[in-house]
Amino acid sequence: MQSGEIPSIGVDSTLMGLELDQTGAMQVPPAGFPAGWYTGAPSPGEDGPAVIAGHVDWDGEPGVFF
């Protein structure tokens, strides 16, 4: 796992790798924490657009992007 910080929105989370599922859609993190990054794109901090995904809420509790 990598670590990701987005100070402008108050996020500091580890990042799990996400891939594509059987239908070709990007996987989503399986719980409210941590956030995830799409491994088919550049890693956060590398040149190019990194794709980060996470939940606002999960099972009635705040998620990483609440």
PDB file of N, CA and C in Angstrom:
ATOM      1  N   MET A   1       0.841  -1.185   0.000  1.00  0.00           N
ATOM      2  CA  MET A   1       0.000   0.000   0.000  1.00  0.00           C
ATOM      3  C   MET A   1       0.878   1.237   0.000  1.00  0.00           C
ATOM      4  N   GLN A   2       0.384   2.232  -0.657  1.00  0.00           N
ATOM      5  CA  GLN A   2       1.046   3.528  -0.666  1.00  0.00           C
ATOM      6  C   GLN A   2       0.322   4.442   0.313  1.00  0.00           C
ATOM      7  N   SER A   3       0.886   5.592   0.543  1.00  0.00           N
ATOM      8  CA  SER A   3       0.248   6.594   1.382  1.00  0.00           C
ATOM      9  C   SER A   3      -0.141   7.779   0.512  1.00  0.00           C
ATOM     10  N   GLY A   4      -1.310   8.353   0.784  1.00  0.00           N
ATOM     11  CA  GLY A   4      -1.769   9.493   0.015  1.00  0.00           C
ATOM     12  C   GLY A   4      -2.310  10.582   0.910  1.00  0.00           C
ATOM     13  N   GLU A   5      -1.899  11.794   0.638  1.00  0.00           N
ATOM     14  CA  GLU A   5      -2.361  12.938   1.405  1.00  0.00           C
ATOM     15  C   GLU A   5      -2.873  13.992   0.436  1.00  0.00           C
ATOM     16  N   ILE A   6      -4.077  14.511   0.710  1.00  0.00           N
ATOM     17  CA  ILE A   6      -4.662  15.602  -0.075  1.00  0.00           C
ATOM     18  C   ILE A   6      -5.020  16.699   0.927  1.00  0.00           C
ATOM     19  N   PRO A   7      -4.049  17.559   1.266  1.00  0.00           N
ATOM     20  CA  PRO A   7      -4.265  18.555   2.315  1.00  0.00           C
ATOM     21  C   PRO A   7      -5.444  19.492   2.061  1.00  0.00           C
ATOM     22  N   SER A   8      -5.706  19.832   0.803  1.00  0.00           N
ATOM     23  CA  SER A   8      -6.768  20.803   0.512  1.00  0.00           C
ATOM     24  C   SER A   8      -8.156  20.309   0.915  1.00  0.00           C
ATOM     25  N   ILE A   9      -8.334  18.985   1.052  1.00  0.00           N
ATOM     26  CA  ILE A   9      -9.631  18.459   1.503  1.00  0.00           C
ATOM     27  C   ILE A   9      -9.502  17.652   2.797  1.00  0.00           C
ATOM     28  N   GLY A  10      -8.343  17.733   3.454  1.00  0.00           N
ATOM     29  CA  GLY A  10      -8.157  17.092   4.749  1.00  0.00           C
ATOM     30  C   GLY A  10      -8.085  15.574   4.710  1.00  0.00           C
ATOM     31  N   VAL A  11      -7.578  14.993   3.625  1.00  0.00           N
ATOM     32  CA  VAL A  11      -7.487  13.541   3.509  1.00  0.00           C
ATOM     33  C   VAL A  11      -6.045  13.081   3.714  1.00  0.00           C
ATOM     34  N   ASP A  12      -5.881  12.066   4.555  1.00  0.00           N
ATOM     35  CA  ASP A  12      -4.594  11.412   4.759  1.00  0.00           C
ATOM     36  C   ASP A  12      -4.897   9.935   4.928  1.00  0.00           C
ATOM     37  N   SER A  13      -4.597   9.133   3.922  1.00  0.00           N
ATOM     38  CA  SER A  13      -4.993   7.726   3.912  1.00  0.00           C
ATOM     39  C   SER A  13      -3.929   6.876   3.239  1.00  0.00           C
ATOM     40  N   THR A  14      -3.844   5.623   3.644  1.00  0.00           N
ATOM     41  CA  THR A  14      -3.085   4.691   2.833  1.00  0.00           C
ATOM     42  C   THR A  14      -3.886   4.470   1.557  1.00  0.00           C
ATOM     43  N   LEU A  15      -3.230   3.969   0.527  1.00  0.00           N
ATOM     44  CA  LEU A  15      -3.893   3.713  -0.752  1.00  0.00           C
ATOM     45  C   LEU A  15      -3.704   2.254  -1.132  1.00  0.00           C
ATOM     46  N   MET A  16      -4.806   1.566  -1.361  1.00  0.00           N
ATOM     47  CA  MET A  16      -4.729   0.188  -1.843  1.00  0.00           C
ATOM     48  C   MET A  16      -4.804   0.190  -3.359  1.00  0.00           C
ATOM     49  N   GLY A  17      -4.198  -0.788  -3.999  1.00  0.00           N
ATOM     50  CA  GLY A  17      -4.249  -0.894  -5.450  1.00  0.00           C
ATOM     51  C   GLY A  17      -5.608  -1.385  -5.916  1.00  0.00           C
ATOM     52  N   LEU A  18      -6.138  -0.772  -6.970  1.00  0.00           N
ATOM     53  CA  LEU A  18      -7.401  -1.172  -7.584  1.00  0.00           C
ATOM     54  C   LEU A  18      -7.145  -1.525  -9.040  1.00  0.00           C
ATOM     55  N   GLU A  19      -7.828  -2.559  -9.512  1.00  0.00           N
ATOM     56  CA  GLU A  19      -7.678  -2.990 -10.897  1.00  0.00           C
ATOM     57  C   GLU A  19      -9.043  -2.920 -11.577  1.00  0.00           C
ATOM     58  N   LEU A  20      -9.164  -3.543 -12.736  1.00  0.00           N
ATOM     59  CA  LEU A  20     -10.450  -3.639 -13.419  1.00  0.00           C
ATOM     60  C   LEU A  20     -11.122  -4.947 -13.037  1.00  0.00           C
ATOM     61  N   ASP A  21     -12.466  -4.928 -12.905  1.00  0.00           N
ATOM     62  CA  ASP A  21     -13.189  -6.159 -12.609  1.00  0.00           C
ATOM     63  C   ASP A  21     -13.484  -6.911 -13.904  1.00  0.00           C
ATOM     64  N   GLN A  22     -14.234  -7.993 -13.812  1.00  0.00           N
ATOM     65  CA  GLN A  22     -14.512  -8.841 -14.973  1.00  0.00           C
ATOM     66  C   GLN A  22     -15.284  -8.122 -16.067  1.00  0.00           C
ATOM     67  N   THR A  23     -16.025  -7.065 -15.716  1.00  0.00           N
ATOM     68  CA  THR A  23     -16.800  -6.320 -16.716  1.00  0.00           C
ATOM     69  C   THR A  23     -16.007  -5.175 -17.334  1.00  0.00           C
ATOM     70  N   GLY A  24     -14.788  -4.932 -16.827  1.00  0.00           N
ATOM     71  CA  GLY A  24     -13.967  -3.833 -17.318  1.00  0.00           C
ATOM     72  C   GLY A  24     -14.129  -2.560 -16.526  1.00  0.00           C
ATOM     73  N   ALA A  25     -14.944  -2.583 -15.464  1.00  0.00           N
ATOM     74  CA  ALA A  25     -15.114  -1.411 -14.599  1.00  0.00           C
ATOM     75  C   ALA A  25     -14.011  -1.402 -13.539  1.00  0.00           C
ATOM     76  N   MET A  26     -13.636  -0.225 -13.099  1.00  0.00           N
ATOM     77  CA  MET A  26     -12.632  -0.128 -12.048  1.00  0.00           C
ATOM     78  C   MET A  26     -13.217  -0.641 -10.736  1.00  0.00           C
ATOM     79  N   GLN A  27     -12.439  -1.426 -10.011  1.00  0.00           N
ATOM     80  CA  GLN A  27     -12.853  -1.867  -8.689  1.00  0.00           C
ATOM     81  C   GLN A  27     -12.995  -0.654  -7.772  1.00  0.00           C
ATOM     82  N   VAL A  28     -13.721  -0.830  -6.685  1.00  0.00           N
ATOM     83  CA  VAL A  28     -13.831   0.206  -5.662  1.00  0.00           C
ATOM     84  C   VAL A  28     -13.307  -0.363  -4.346  1.00  0.00           C
ATOM     85  N   PRO A  29     -12.839   0.477  -3.438  1.00  0.00           N
ATOM     86  CA  PRO A  29     -12.389  -0.024  -2.145  1.00  0.00           C
ATOM     87  C   PRO A  29     -13.531  -0.788  -1.453  1.00  0.00           C
ATOM     88  N   PRO A  30     -13.230  -1.891  -0.774  1.00  0.00           N
ATOM     89  CA  PRO A  30     -14.262  -2.731  -0.173  1.00  0.00           C
ATOM     90  C   PRO A  30     -14.831  -2.209   1.139  1.00  0.00           C
ATOM     91  N   ALA A  31     -14.344  -1.076   1.621  1.00  0.00           N
ATOM     92  CA  ALA A  31     -14.846  -0.491   2.875  1.00  0.00           C
ATOM     93  C   ALA A  31     -14.643   1.021   2.822  1.00  0.00           C
ATOM     94  N   GLY A  32     -15.026   1.710   3.887  1.00  0.00           N
ATOM     95  CA  GLY A  32     -14.921   3.163   3.941  1.00  0.00           C
ATOM     96  C   GLY A  32     -13.496   3.687   3.907  1.00  0.00           C
ATOM     97  N   PHE A  33     -12.574   2.899   4.416  1.00  0.00           N
ATOM     98  CA  PHE A  33     -11.142   3.216   4.422  1.00  0.00           C
ATOM     99  C   PHE A  33     -10.398   1.973   3.981  1.00  0.00           C
ATOM    100  N   PRO A  34      -9.295   2.046   3.313  1.00  0.00           N
ATOM    101  CA  PRO A  34      -8.596   3.214   2.812  1.00  0.00           C
ATOM    102  C   PRO A  34      -9.135   3.633   1.458  1.00  0.00           C
ATOM    103  N   ALA A  35      -8.553   4.689   0.911  1.00  0.00           N
ATOM    104  CA  ALA A  35      -8.803   5.058  -0.481  1.00  0.00           C
ATOM    105  C   ALA A  35      -8.005   4.097  -1.363  1.00  0.00           C
ATOM    106  N   GLY A  36      -8.277   4.110  -2.658  1.00  0.00           N
ATOM    107  CA  GLY A  36      -7.545   3.250  -3.580  1.00  0.00           C
ATOM    108  C   GLY A  36      -7.108   4.024  -4.803  1.00  0.00           C
ATOM    109  N   TRP A  37      -6.110   3.507  -5.488  1.00  0.00           N
ATOM    110  CA  TRP A  37      -5.667   4.120  -6.740  1.00  0.00           C
ATOM    111  C   TRP A  37      -5.665   3.042  -7.817  1.00  0.00           C
ATOM    112  N   TYR A  38      -6.044   3.451  -9.004  1.00  0.00           N
ATOM    113  CA  TYR A  38      -6.123   2.552 -10.145  1.00  0.00           C
ATOM    114  C   TYR A  38      -4.717   2.225 -10.625  1.00  0.00           C
ATOM    115  N   THR A  39      -4.332   0.947 -10.543  1.00  0.00           N
ATOM    116  CA  THR A  39      -2.969   0.533 -10.873  1.00  0.00           C
ATOM    117  C   THR A  39      -2.668   0.566 -12.368  1.00  0.00           C
ATOM    118  N   GLY A  40      -3.687   0.748 -13.212  1.00  0.00           N
ATOM    119  CA  GLY A  40      -3.471   0.855 -14.650  1.00  0.00           C
ATOM    120  C   GLY A  40      -3.108   2.260 -15.094  1.00  0.00           C
ATOM    121  N   ALA A  41      -2.997   3.186 -14.154  1.00  0.00           N
ATOM    122  CA  ALA A  41      -2.631   4.576 -14.430  1.00  0.00           C
ATOM    123  C   ALA A  41      -1.366   4.890 -13.627  1.00  0.00           C
ATOM    124  N   PRO A  42      -0.774   6.062 -13.821  1.00  0.00           N
ATOM    125  CA  PRO A  42       0.402   6.411 -13.020  1.00  0.00           C
ATOM    126  C   PRO A  42       0.100   6.370 -11.514  1.00  0.00           C
ATOM    127  N   SER A  43       1.106   6.035 -10.737  1.00  0.00           N
ATOM    128  CA  SER A  43       0.988   6.087  -9.281  1.00  0.00           C
ATOM    129  C   SER A  43       0.920   7.531  -8.831  1.00  0.00           C
ATOM    130  N   PRO A  44       0.256   7.819  -7.724  1.00  0.00           N
ATOM    131  CA  PRO A  44       0.246   9.190  -7.209  1.00  0.00           C
ATOM    132  C   PRO A  44       1.675   9.707  -7.037  1.00  0.00           C
ATOM    133  N   GLY A  45       1.932  10.891  -7.559  1.00  0.00           N
ATOM    134  CA  GLY A  45       3.250  11.508  -7.508  1.00  0.00           C
ATOM    135  C   GLY A  45       4.049  11.327  -8.777  1.00  0.00           C
ATOM    136  N   GLU A  46       3.683  10.345  -9.625  1.00  0.00           N
ATOM    137  CA  GLU A  46       4.351  10.178 -10.915  1.00  0.00           C
ATOM    138  C   GLU A  46       3.755  11.154 -11.921  1.00  0.00           C
ATOM    139  N   ASP A  47       4.438  11.363 -13.041  1.00  0.00           N
ATOM    140  CA  ASP A  47       3.899  12.194 -14.111  1.00  0.00           C
ATOM    141  C   ASP A  47       2.652  11.530 -14.679  1.00  0.00           C
ATOM    142  N   GLY A  48       1.639  12.319 -14.964  1.00  0.00           N
ATOM    143  CA  GLY A  48       0.400  11.814 -15.537  1.00  0.00           C
ATOM    144  C   GLY A  48      -0.709  11.750 -14.510  1.00  0.00           C
ATOM    145  N   PRO A  49      -1.914  11.470 -14.977  1.00  0.00           N
ATOM    146  CA  PRO A  49      -3.072  11.486 -14.083  1.00  0.00           C
ATOM    147  C   PRO A  49      -3.203  10.197 -13.270  1.00  0.00           C
ATOM    148  N   ALA A  50      -3.135  10.314 -11.957  1.00  0.00           N
ATOM    149  CA  ALA A  50      -3.407   9.197 -11.057  1.00  0.00           C
ATOM    150  C   ALA A  50      -4.910   9.181 -10.781  1.00  0.00           C
ATOM    151  N   VAL A  51      -5.505   7.999 -10.737  1.00  0.00           N
ATOM    152  CA  VAL A  51      -6.935   7.870 -10.478  1.00  0.00           C
ATOM    153  C   VAL A  51      -7.109   7.354  -9.058  1.00  0.00           C
ATOM    154  N   ILE A  52      -7.764   8.157  -8.207  1.00  0.00           N
ATOM    155  CA  ILE A  52      -7.992   7.825  -6.799  1.00  0.00           C
ATOM    156  C   ILE A  52      -9.485   7.626  -6.580  1.00  0.00           C
ATOM    157  N   ALA A  53      -9.857   6.570  -5.852  1.00  0.00           N
ATOM    158  CA  ALA A  53     -11.273   6.293  -5.563  1.00  0.00           C
ATOM    159  C   ALA A  53     -11.438   6.038  -4.069  1.00  0.00           C
ATOM    160  N   GLY A  54     -12.566   6.438  -3.552  1.00  0.00           N
ATOM    161  CA  GLY A  54     -12.873   6.195  -2.142  1.00  0.00           C
ATOM    162  C   GLY A  54     -14.329   6.523  -1.874  1.00  0.00           C
ATOM    163  N   HIS A  55     -14.782   6.149  -0.710  1.00  0.00           N
ATOM    164  CA  HIS A  55     -16.178   6.351  -0.336  1.00  0.00           C
ATOM    165  C   HIS A  55     -16.347   7.628   0.491  1.00  0.00           C
ATOM    166  N   VAL A  56     -17.486   8.285   0.316  1.00  0.00           N
ATOM    167  CA  VAL A  56     -17.864   9.410   1.169  1.00  0.00           C
ATOM    168  C   VAL A  56     -18.440   8.859   2.470  1.00  0.00           C
ATOM    169  N   ASP A  57     -19.273   7.844   2.348  1.00  0.00           N
ATOM    170  CA  ASP A  57     -19.775   7.154   3.534  1.00  0.00           C
ATOM    171  C   ASP A  57     -19.849   5.659   3.237  1.00  0.00           C
ATOM    172  N   TRP A  58     -19.879   4.868   4.305  1.00  0.00           N
ATOM    173  CA  TRP A  58     -19.893   3.419   4.170  1.00  0.00           C
ATOM    174  C   TRP A  58     -20.635   2.838   5.365  1.00  0.00           C
ATOM    175  N   ASP A  59     -21.708   2.139   5.090  1.00  0.00           N
ATOM    176  CA  ASP A  59     -22.474   1.469   6.138  1.00  0.00           C
ATOM    177  C   ASP A  59     -22.875   2.432   7.263  1.00  0.00           C
ATOM    178  N   GLY A  60     -23.276   3.640   6.870  1.00  0.00           N
ATOM    179  CA  GLY A  60     -23.740   4.639   7.834  1.00  0.00           C
ATOM    180  C   GLY A  60     -22.639   5.382   8.560  1.00  0.00           C
ATOM    181  N   GLU A  61     -21.394   5.132   8.221  1.00  0.00           N
ATOM    182  CA  GLU A  61     -20.269   5.805   8.864  1.00  0.00           C
ATOM    183  C   GLU A  61     -19.504   6.640   7.843  1.00  0.00           C
ATOM    184  N   PRO A  62     -18.808   7.698   8.277  1.00  0.00           N
ATOM    185  CA  PRO A  62     -18.014   8.503   7.344  1.00  0.00           C
ATOM    186  C   PRO A  62     -16.919   7.668   6.681  1.00  0.00           C
ATOM    187  N   GLY A  63     -16.724   7.910   5.394  1.00  0.00           N
ATOM    188  CA  GLY A  63     -15.655   7.263   4.650  1.00  0.00           C
ATOM    189  C   GLY A  63     -14.473   8.202   4.487  1.00  0.00           C
ATOM    190  N   VAL A  64     -13.487   7.780   3.740  1.00  0.00           N
ATOM    191  CA  VAL A  64     -12.253   8.531   3.559  1.00  0.00           C
ATOM    192  C   VAL A  64     -12.493   9.913   2.961  1.00  0.00           C
ATOM    193  N   PHE A  65     -13.503  10.078   2.094  1.00  0.00           N
ATOM    194  CA  PHE A  65     -13.766  11.378   1.477  1.00  0.00           C
ATOM    195  C   PHE A  65     -14.989  12.083   2.064  1.00  0.00           C
ATOM    196  N   PHE A  66     -15.309  11.790   3.340  1.00  0.00           N
ATOM    197  CA  PHE A  66     -16.457  12.427   3.993  1.00  0.00           C
ATOM    198  C   PHE A  66     -16.231  13.910   4.133  1.00  0.00           C
TER     199      PHE A  66
END
